[in-house]
PDB file of N, CA and C in Angstrom:
ATOM      1  N   MET A   1     -10.164  -4.978  16.939  1.00  0.00           N
ATOM      2  CA  MET A   1      -9.521  -3.686  16.900  1.00  0.00           C
ATOM      3  C   MET A   1      -9.073  -3.399  15.476  1.00  0.00           C
ATOM      4  N   LYS A   2      -9.408  -2.225  14.970  1.00  0.00           N
ATOM      5  CA  LYS A   2      -8.994  -1.831  13.624  1.00  0.00           C
ATOM      6  C   LYS A   2      -7.491  -1.597  13.590  1.00  0.00           C
ATOM      7  N   VAL A   3      -6.882  -1.977  12.461  1.00  0.00           N
ATOM      8  CA  VAL A   3      -5.463  -1.724  12.236  1.00  0.00           C
ATOM      9  C   VAL A   3      -5.301  -1.064  10.871  1.00  0.00           C
ATOM     10  N   GLY A   4      -4.190  -0.380  10.706  1.00  0.00           N
ATOM     11  CA  GLY A   4      -3.946   0.302   9.449  1.00  0.00           C
ATOM     12  C   GLY A   4      -2.484   0.307   9.078  1.00  0.00           C
ATOM     13  N   MET A   5      -2.223   0.739   7.861  1.00  0.00           N
ATOM     14  CA  MET A   5      -0.866   0.845   7.349  1.00  0.00           C
ATOM     15  C   MET A   5      -0.787   2.121   6.523  1.00  0.00           C
ATOM     16  N   ILE A   6       0.269   2.860   6.750  1.00  0.00           N
ATOM     17  CA  ILE A   6       0.577   4.036   5.944  1.00  0.00           C
ATOM     18  C   ILE A   6       1.939   3.758   5.319  1.00  0.00           C
ATOM     19  N   ALA A   7       1.964   3.613   4.006  1.00  0.00           N
ATOM     20  CA  ALA A   7       3.213   3.307   3.311  1.00  0.00           C
ATOM     21  C   ALA A   7       3.544   4.459   2.366  1.00  0.00           C
ATOM     22  N   SER A   8       4.678   5.083   2.591  1.00  0.00           N
ATOM     23  CA  SER A   8       5.132   6.180   1.737  1.00  0.00           C
ATOM     24  C   SER A   8       6.213   5.652   0.805  1.00  0.00           C
ATOM     25  N   HIS A   9       5.991   5.880  -0.480  1.00  0.00           N
ATOM     26  CA  HIS A   9       6.913   5.439  -1.523  1.00  0.00           C
ATOM     27  C   HIS A   9       7.461   6.688  -2.202  1.00  0.00           C
ATOM     28  N   TYR A  10       8.717   6.657  -2.555  1.00  0.00           N
ATOM     29  CA  TYR A  10       9.379   7.834  -3.117  1.00  0.00           C
ATOM     30  C   TYR A  10       9.963   7.516  -4.489  1.00  0.00           C
ATOM     31  N   PRO A  11       9.118   7.441  -5.514  1.00  0.00           N
ATOM     32  CA  PRO A  11       9.637   7.136  -6.846  1.00  0.00           C
ATOM     33  C   PRO A  11      10.385   8.324  -7.447  1.00  0.00           C
ATOM     34  N   HIS A  12      11.334   8.007  -8.313  1.00  0.00           N
ATOM     35  CA  HIS A  12      11.968   9.065  -9.098  1.00  0.00           C
ATOM     36  C   HIS A  12      10.877   9.709  -9.949  1.00  0.00           C
ATOM     37  N   ALA A  13      11.037  10.961 -10.267  1.00  0.00           N
ATOM     38  CA  ALA A  13      10.026  11.697 -11.031  1.00  0.00           C
ATOM     39  C   ALA A  13       9.659  10.980 -12.327  1.00  0.00           C
ATOM     40  N   SER A  14      10.618  10.366 -12.975  1.00  0.00           N
ATOM     41  CA  SER A  14      10.350   9.681 -14.242  1.00  0.00           C
ATOM     42  C   SER A  14       9.500   8.420 -14.061  1.00  0.00           C
ATOM     43  N   HIS A  15       9.338   7.952 -12.837  1.00  0.00           N
ATOM     44  CA  HIS A  15       8.543   6.752 -12.565  1.00  0.00           C
ATOM     45  C   HIS A  15       7.289   7.046 -11.737  1.00  0.00           C
ATOM     46  N   ARG A  16       7.027   8.320 -11.476  1.00  0.00           N
ATOM     47  CA  ARG A  16       5.911   8.675 -10.582  1.00  0.00           C
ATOM     48  C   ARG A  16       4.558   8.173 -11.103  1.00  0.00           C
ATOM     49  N   GLU A  17       4.223   8.434 -12.346  1.00  0.00           N
ATOM     50  CA  GLU A  17       2.918   8.006 -12.882  1.00  0.00           C
ATOM     51  C   GLU A  17       2.792   6.483 -12.867  1.00  0.00           C
ATOM     52  N   GLU A  18       3.860   5.800 -13.227  1.00  0.00           N
ATOM     53  CA  GLU A  18       3.869   4.333 -13.174  1.00  0.00           C
ATOM     54  C   GLU A  18       3.638   3.865 -11.733  1.00  0.00           C
ATOM     55  N   PHE A  19       4.261   4.538 -10.797  1.00  0.00           N
ATOM     56  CA  PHE A  19       4.135   4.139  -9.396  1.00  0.00           C
ATOM     57  C   PHE A  19       2.731   4.386  -8.876  1.00  0.00           C
ATOM     58  N   ILE A  20       2.120   5.472  -9.281  1.00  0.00           N
ATOM     59  CA  ILE A  20       0.734   5.739  -8.892  1.00  0.00           C
ATOM     60  C   ILE A  20      -0.159   4.604  -9.391  1.00  0.00           C
ATOM     61  N   ALA A  21       0.043   4.183 -10.625  1.00  0.00           N
ATOM     62  CA  ALA A  21      -0.738   3.073 -11.178  1.00  0.00           C
ATOM     63  C   ALA A  21      -0.496   1.789 -10.387  1.00  0.00           C
ATOM     64  N   ARG A  22       0.741   1.546 -10.005  1.00  0.00           N
ATOM     65  CA  ARG A  22       1.060   0.350  -9.208  1.00  0.00           C
ATOM     66  C   ARG A  22       0.332   0.373  -7.869  1.00  0.00           C
ATOM     67  N   VAL A  23       0.331   1.516  -7.192  1.00  0.00           N
ATOM     68  CA  VAL A  23      -0.334   1.617  -5.890  1.00  0.00           C
ATOM     69  C   VAL A  23      -1.842   1.412  -6.048  1.00  0.00           C
ATOM     70  N   HIS A  24      -2.424   1.928  -7.114  1.00  0.00           N
ATOM     71  CA  HIS A  24      -3.855   1.704  -7.357  1.00  0.00           C
ATOM     72  C   HIS A  24      -4.150   0.220  -7.573  1.00  0.00           C
ATOM     73  N   GLN A  25      -3.285  -0.484  -8.286  1.00  0.00           N
ATOM     74  CA  GLN A  25      -3.480  -1.923  -8.504  1.00  0.00           C
ATOM     75  C   GLN A  25      -3.418  -2.691  -7.190  1.00  0.00           C
ATOM     76  N   VAL A  26      -2.445  -2.374  -6.357  1.00  0.00           N
ATOM     77  CA  VAL A  26      -2.310  -3.043  -5.070  1.00  0.00           C
ATOM     78  C   VAL A  26      -3.518  -2.724  -4.189  1.00  0.00           C
ATOM     79  N   ALA A  27      -3.968  -1.473  -4.197  1.00  0.00           N
ATOM     80  CA  ALA A  27      -5.141  -1.084  -3.401  1.00  0.00           C
ATOM     81  C   ALA A  27      -6.374  -1.867  -3.830  1.00  0.00           C
ATOM     82  N   GLU A  28      -6.517  -2.109  -5.115  1.00  0.00           N
ATOM     83  CA  GLU A  28      -7.655  -2.885  -5.610  1.00  0.00           C
ATOM     84  C   GLU A  28      -7.634  -4.312  -5.055  1.00  0.00           C
ATOM     85  N   VAL A  29      -6.459  -4.915  -5.002  1.00  0.00           N
ATOM     86  CA  VAL A  29      -6.335  -6.254  -4.432  1.00  0.00           C
ATOM     87  C   VAL A  29      -6.672  -6.225  -2.945  1.00  0.00           C
ATOM     88  N   PHE A  30      -6.131  -5.248  -2.230  1.00  0.00           N
ATOM     89  CA  PHE A  30      -6.450  -5.115  -0.805  1.00  0.00           C
ATOM     90  C   PHE A  30      -7.958  -5.011  -0.598  1.00  0.00           C
ATOM     91  N   ARG A  31      -8.634  -4.142  -1.375  1.00  0.00           N
ATOM     92  CA  ARG A  31     -10.071  -3.929  -1.197  1.00  0.00           C
ATOM     93  C   ARG A  31     -10.878  -5.193  -1.446  1.00  0.00           C
ATOM     94  N   GLY A  32     -10.353  -6.095  -2.242  1.00  0.00           N
ATOM     95  CA  GLY A  32     -11.052  -7.351  -2.512  1.00  0.00           C
ATOM     96  C   GLY A  32     -10.868  -8.402  -1.431  1.00  0.00           C
ATOM     97  N   ALA A  33     -10.002  -8.141  -0.470  1.00  0.00           N
ATOM     98  CA  ALA A  33      -9.728  -9.114   0.589  1.00  0.00           C
ATOM     99  C   ALA A  33     -10.737  -8.944   1.733  1.00  0.00           C
ATOM    100  N   PRO A  34     -11.227 -10.060   2.281  1.00  0.00           N
ATOM    101  CA  PRO A  34     -12.155  -9.964   3.410  1.00  0.00           C
ATOM    102  C   PRO A  34     -11.528  -9.196   4.576  1.00  0.00           C
ATOM    103  N   GLY A  35     -12.311  -8.327   5.172  1.00  0.00           N
ATOM    104  CA  GLY A  35     -11.835  -7.583   6.334  1.00  0.00           C
ATOM    105  C   GLY A  35     -11.114  -6.290   6.017  1.00  0.00           C
ATOM    106  N   CYS A  36     -10.871  -6.009   4.743  1.00  0.00           N
ATOM    107  CA  CYS A  36     -10.249  -4.731   4.379  1.00  0.00           C
ATOM    108  C   CYS A  36     -11.353  -3.681   4.328  1.00  0.00           C
ATOM    109  N   LEU A  37     -11.218  -2.642   5.115  1.00  0.00           N
ATOM    110  CA  LEU A  37     -12.224  -1.590   5.187  1.00  0.00           C
ATOM    111  C   LEU A  37     -12.009  -0.496   4.150  1.00  0.00           C
ATOM    112  N   SER A  38     -10.751  -0.239   3.805  1.00  0.00           N
ATOM    113  CA  SER A  38     -10.446   0.758   2.779  1.00  0.00           C
ATOM    114  C   SER A  38      -8.996   0.617   2.346  1.00  0.00           C
ATOM    115  N   ALA A  39      -8.740   1.037   1.123  1.00  0.00           N
ATOM    116  CA  ALA A  39      -7.376   1.075   0.586  1.00  0.00           C
ATOM    117  C   ALA A  39      -7.354   2.197  -0.448  1.00  0.00           C
ATOM    118  N   GLU A  40      -6.482   3.165  -0.224  1.00  0.00           N
ATOM    119  CA  GLU A  40      -6.456   4.354  -1.067  1.00  0.00           C
ATOM    120  C   GLU A  40      -5.033   4.750  -1.421  1.00  0.00           C
ATOM    121  N   CYS A  41      -4.940   5.530  -2.485  1.00  0.00           N
ATOM    122  CA  CYS A  41      -3.674   6.115  -2.921  1.00  0.00           C
ATOM    123  C   CYS A  41      -3.771   7.621  -2.729  1.00  0.00           C
ATOM    124  N   TRP A  42      -2.810   8.178  -1.995  1.00  0.00           N
ATOM    125  CA  TRP A  42      -2.726   9.612  -1.764  1.00  0.00           C
ATOM    126  C   TRP A  42      -1.384  10.100  -2.303  1.00  0.00           C
ATOM    127  N   LEU A  43      -1.309  11.384  -2.579  1.00  0.00           N
ATOM    128  CA  LEU A  43      -0.087  11.949  -3.142  1.00  0.00           C
ATOM    129  C   LEU A  43       0.368  13.150  -2.334  1.00  0.00           C
ATOM    130  N   SER A  44       1.677  13.272  -2.195  1.00  0.00           N
ATOM    131  CA  SER A  44       2.282  14.491  -1.666  1.00  0.00           C
ATOM    132  C   SER A  44       3.264  14.978  -2.725  1.00  0.00           C
ATOM    133  N   ASP A  45       3.991  16.026  -2.427  1.00  0.00           N
ATOM    134  CA  ASP A  45       4.920  16.556  -3.427  1.00  0.00           C
ATOM    135  C   ASP A  45       5.952  15.530  -3.880  1.00  0.00           C
ATOM    136  N   ASP A  46       6.436  14.707  -2.946  1.00  0.00           N
ATOM    137  CA  ASP A  46       7.502  13.770  -3.297  1.00  0.00           C
ATOM    138  C   ASP A  46       7.159  12.298  -3.079  1.00  0.00           C
ATOM    139  N   ALA A  47       5.958  12.013  -2.558  1.00  0.00           N
ATOM    140  CA  ALA A  47       5.635  10.632  -2.216  1.00  0.00           C
ATOM    141  C   ALA A  47       4.307  10.176  -2.821  1.00  0.00           C
ATOM    142  N   VAL A  48       4.230   8.875  -3.024  1.00  0.00           N
ATOM    143  CA  VAL A  48       2.984   8.191  -3.355  1.00  0.00           C
ATOM    144  C   VAL A  48       2.666   7.377  -2.103  1.00  0.00           C
ATOM    145  N   ILE A  49       1.504   7.614  -1.524  1.00  0.00           N
ATOM    146  CA  ILE A  49       1.203   7.077  -0.197  1.00  0.00           C
ATOM    147  C   ILE A  49       0.035   6.105  -0.268  1.00  0.00           C
ATOM    148  N   SER A  50       0.229   4.925   0.314  1.00  0.00           N
ATOM    149  CA  SER A  50      -0.829   3.927   0.439  1.00  0.00           C
ATOM    150  C   SER A  50      -1.409   4.035   1.840  1.00  0.00           C
ATOM    151  N   LEU A  51      -2.739   4.133   1.925  1.00  0.00           N
ATOM    152  CA  LEU A  51      -3.430   4.125   3.211  1.00  0.00           C
ATOM    153  C   LEU A  51      -4.398   2.951   3.188  1.00  0.00           C
ATOM    154  N   VAL A  52      -4.206   1.997   4.094  1.00  0.00           N
ATOM    155  CA  VAL A  52      -5.051   0.807   4.132  1.00  0.00           C
ATOM    156  C   VAL A  52      -5.549   0.619   5.555  1.00  0.00           C
ATOM    157  N   GLN A  53      -6.822   0.214   5.685  1.00  0.00           N
ATOM    158  CA  GLN A  53      -7.429  -0.014   6.992  1.00  0.00           C
ATOM    159  C   GLN A  53      -8.152  -1.357   6.978  1.00  0.00           C
ATOM    160  N   TRP A  54      -7.938  -2.132   8.056  1.00  0.00           N
ATOM    161  CA  TRP A  54      -8.573  -3.444   8.193  1.00  0.00           C
ATOM    162  C   TRP A  54      -9.379  -3.512   9.476  1.00  0.00           C
ATOM    163  N   GLU A  55     -10.295  -4.462   9.524  1.00  0.00           N
ATOM    164  CA  GLU A  55     -11.116  -4.625  10.722  1.00  0.00           C
ATOM    165  C   GLU A  55     -10.375  -5.317  11.851  1.00  0.00           C
ATOM    166  N   SER A  56      -9.260  -6.018  11.532  1.00  0.00           N
ATOM    167  CA  SER A  56      -8.515  -6.734  12.568  1.00  0.00           C
ATOM    168  C   SER A  56      -7.107  -7.046  12.077  1.00  0.00           C
ATOM    169  N   GLU A  57      -6.268  -7.454  13.017  1.00  0.00           N
ATOM    170  CA  GLU A  57      -4.906  -7.875  12.669  1.00  0.00           C
ATOM    171  C   GLU A  57      -4.947  -9.115  11.769  1.00  0.00           C
ATOM    172  N   GLU A  58      -5.884 -10.000  12.032  1.00  0.00           N
ATOM    173  CA  GLU A  58      -6.018 -11.224  11.217  1.00  0.00           C
ATOM    174  C   GLU A  58      -6.390 -10.878   9.777  1.00  0.00           C
ATOM    175  N   ALA A  59      -7.292  -9.920   9.595  1.00  0.00           N
ATOM    176  CA  ALA A  59      -7.674  -9.488   8.251  1.00  0.00           C
ATOM    177  C   ALA A  59      -6.491  -8.850   7.532  1.00  0.00           C
ATOM    178  N   CYS A  60      -5.702  -8.074   8.265  1.00  0.00           N
ATOM    179  CA  CYS A  60      -4.500  -7.466   7.701  1.00  0.00           C
ATOM    180  C   CYS A  60      -3.543  -8.540   7.199  1.00  0.00           C
ATOM    181  N   ALA A  61      -3.268  -9.507   8.039  1.00  0.00           N
ATOM    182  CA  ALA A  61      -2.339 -10.580   7.673  1.00  0.00           C
ATOM    183  C   ALA A  61      -2.836 -11.342   6.455  1.00  0.00           C
ATOM    184  N   ALA A  62      -4.132 -11.646   6.419  1.00  0.00           N
ATOM    185  CA  ALA A  62      -4.682 -12.395   5.293  1.00  0.00           C
ATOM    186  C   ALA A  62      -4.612 -11.595   4.000  1.00  0.00           C
ATOM    187  N   SER A  63      -4.879 -10.291   4.060  1.00  0.00           N
ATOM    188  CA  SER A  63      -4.838  -9.507   2.831  1.00  0.00           C
ATOM    189  C   SER A  63      -3.405  -9.279   2.351  1.00  0.00           C
ATOM    190  N   LEU A  64      -2.444  -9.224   3.272  1.00  0.00           N
ATOM    191  CA  LEU A  64      -1.043  -9.123   2.848  1.00  0.00           C
ATOM    192  C   LEU A  64      -0.621 -10.373   2.084  1.00  0.00           C
ATOM    193  N   VAL A  65      -1.096 -11.530   2.525  1.00  0.00           N
ATOM    194  CA  VAL A  65      -0.834 -12.777   1.802  1.00  0.00           C
ATOM    195  C   VAL A  65      -1.470 -12.713   0.411  1.00  0.00           C
ATOM    196  N   ALA A  66      -2.706 -12.210   0.335  1.00  0.00           N
ATOM    197  CA  ALA A  66      -3.404 -12.106  -0.946  1.00  0.00           C
ATOM    198  C   ALA A  66      -2.662 -11.181  -1.910  1.00  0.00           C
ATOM    199  N   VAL A  67      -2.150 -10.061  -1.403  1.00  0.00           N
ATOM    200  CA  VAL A  67      -1.422  -9.118  -2.262  1.00  0.00           C
ATOM    201  C   VAL A  67      -0.125  -9.749  -2.755  1.00  0.00           C
ATOM    202  N   GLN A  68       0.571 -10.465  -1.886  1.00  0.00           N
ATOM    203  CA  GLN A  68       1.823 -11.103  -2.305  1.00  0.00           C
ATOM    204  C   GLN A  68       1.573 -12.198  -3.338  1.00  0.00           C
ATOM    205  N   ALA A  69       0.392 -12.830  -3.309  1.00  0.00           N
ATOM    206  CA  ALA A  69       0.061 -13.885  -4.269  1.00  0.00           C
ATOM    207  C   ALA A  69      -0.477 -13.320  -5.587  1.00  0.00           C
ATOM    208  N   ALA A  70      -0.942 -12.088  -5.576  1.00  0.00           N
ATOM    209  CA  ALA A  70      -1.515 -11.466  -6.778  1.00  0.00           C
ATOM    210  C   ALA A  70      -0.411 -11.087  -7.757  1.00  0.00           C
ATOM    211  N   GLU A  71      -0.808 -10.898  -8.977  1.00  0.00           N
ATOM    212  CA  GLU A  71       0.151 -10.524 -10.008  1.00  0.00           C
ATOM    213  C   GLU A  71       0.255  -9.006 -10.099  1.00  0.00           C
ATOM    214  N   VAL A  72       0.755  -8.401  -9.009  1.00  0.00           N
ATOM    215  CA  VAL A  72       0.987  -6.958  -8.980  1.00  0.00           C
ATOM    216  C   VAL A  72       2.464  -6.718  -8.697  1.00  0.00           C
ATOM    217  N   ASP A  73       2.940  -5.574  -9.141  1.00  0.00           N
ATOM    218  CA  ASP A  73       4.353  -5.227  -9.001  1.00  0.00           C
ATOM    219  C   ASP A  73       4.601  -4.620  -7.620  1.00  0.00           C
ATOM    220  N   LEU A  74       5.277  -5.379  -6.762  1.00  0.00           N
ATOM    221  CA  LEU A  74       5.608  -4.919  -5.414  1.00  0.00           C
ATOM    222  C   LEU A  74       7.098  -4.637  -5.245  1.00  0.00           C
ATOM    223  N   ALA A  75       7.849  -4.769  -6.318  1.00  0.00           N
ATOM    224  CA  ALA A  75       9.312  -4.690  -6.234  1.00  0.00           C
ATOM    225  C   ALA A  75       9.796  -3.328  -5.752  1.00  0.00           C
ATOM    226  N   TYR A  76      10.773  -3.381  -4.867  1.00  0.00           N
ATOM    227  CA  TYR A  76      11.521  -2.180  -4.500  1.00  0.00           C
ATOM    228  C   TYR A  76      12.807  -2.232  -5.308  1.00  0.00           C
ATOM    229  N   ASP A  77      13.033  -1.244  -6.146  1.00  0.00           N
ATOM    230  CA  ASP A  77      14.213  -1.267  -7.010  1.00  0.00           C
ATOM    231  C   ASP A  77      14.643   0.158  -7.356  1.00  0.00           C
ATOM    232  N   GLU A  78      15.409   0.280  -8.410  1.00  0.00           N
ATOM    233  CA  GLU A  78      15.997   1.572  -8.773  1.00  0.00           C
ATOM    234  C   GLU A  78      14.957   2.613  -9.196  1.00  0.00           C
ATOM    235  N   ARG A  79      13.690   2.227  -9.345  1.00  0.00           N
ATOM    236  CA  ARG A  79      12.652   3.207  -9.676  1.00  0.00           C
ATOM    237  C   ARG A  79      12.338   4.116  -8.489  1.00  0.00           C
ATOM    238  N   GLU A  80      12.770   3.702  -7.296  1.00  0.00           N
ATOM    239  CA  GLU A  80      12.508   4.487  -6.094  1.00  0.00           C
ATOM    240  C   GLU A  80      13.770   5.236  -5.668  1.00  0.00           C
ATOM    241  N   ALA A  81      13.587   6.509  -5.326  1.00  0.00           N
ATOM    242  CA  ALA A  81      14.711   7.380  -4.978  1.00  0.00           C
ATOM    243  C   ALA A  81      15.251   7.120  -3.582  1.00  0.00           C
ATOM    244  N   ARG A  82      14.407   6.604  -2.694  1.00  0.00           N
ATOM    245  CA  ARG A  82      14.840   6.307  -1.331  1.00  0.00           C
ATOM    246  C   ARG A  82      13.946   5.204  -0.763  1.00  0.00           C
ATOM    247  N   PRO A  83      14.338   4.599   0.331  1.00  0.00           N
ATOM    248  CA  PRO A  83      13.556   3.485   0.887  1.00  0.00           C
ATOM    249  C   PRO A  83      12.134   3.890   1.267  1.00  0.00           C
ATOM    250  N   ARG A  84      11.250   2.927   1.151  1.00  0.00           N
ATOM    251  CA  ARG A  84       9.858   3.108   1.564  1.00  0.00           C
ATOM    252  C   ARG A  84       9.794   3.278   3.068  1.00  0.00           C
ATOM    253  N   GLU A  85       8.795   3.999   3.501  1.00  0.00           N
ATOM    254  CA  GLU A  85       8.539   4.157   4.938  1.00  0.00           C
ATOM    255  C   GLU A  85       7.169   3.563   5.210  1.00  0.00           C
ATOM    256  N   ILE A  86       7.111   2.532   6.053  1.00  0.00           N
ATOM    257  CA  ILE A  86       5.856   1.864   6.347  1.00  0.00           C
ATOM    258  C   ILE A  86       5.583   1.956   7.850  1.00  0.00           C
ATOM    259  N   VAL A  87       4.412   2.495   8.170  1.00  0.00           N
ATOM    260  CA  VAL A  87       4.017   2.672   9.561  1.00  0.00           C
ATOM    261  C   VAL A  87       2.729   1.890   9.774  1.00  0.00           C
ATOM    262  N   ARG A  88       2.732   1.022  10.782  1.00  0.00           N
ATOM    263  CA  ARG A  88       1.529   0.283  11.175  1.00  0.00           C
ATOM    264  C   ARG A  88       0.877   1.045  12.333  1.00  0.00           C
ATOM    265  N   VAL A  89      -0.441   1.154  12.285  1.00  0.00           N
ATOM    266  CA  VAL A  89      -1.180   1.877  13.316  1.00  0.00           C
ATOM    267  C   VAL A  89      -2.372   1.043  13.788  1.00  0.00           C
ATOM    268  N   VAL A  90      -2.833   1.310  15.008  1.00  0.00           N
ATOM    269  CA  VAL A  90      -4.029   0.654  15.536  1.00  0.00           C
ATOM    270  C   VAL A  90      -4.976   1.734  16.051  1.00  0.00           C
ATOM    271  N   ALA A  91      -6.264   1.448  15.958  1.00  0.00           N
ATOM    272  CA  ALA A  91      -7.263   2.394  16.451  1.00  0.00           C
ATOM    273  C   ALA A  91      -7.228   2.397  17.972  1.00  0.00           C
ATOM    274  N   GLY A  92      -7.299   3.569  18.550  1.00  0.00           N
ATOM    275  CA  GLY A  92      -7.225   3.709  19.989  1.00  0.00           C
ATOM    276  C   GLY A  92      -8.570   3.828  20.648  1.00  0.00           C
TER     277      GLY A  92
END
């Protein structure tokens, strides 16, 4: 069963471009993990959004481990105006 993640990040305007670059770096790591079907960066007026899709829950778990082990900036800190919103979804 396919699974996905929609993560909305809300950087302060002064950190928006940096945050877009960070999401692209993380997406690249996700795409390199076995079982990752897609990883993209989308934008709204106030959010930088990560959309990731995997072929299975196991592939999702393995790629999350890979991202945490990679040298990418995942920190939640004062660069963000409000907490991230992360929604996990499954294909019906």
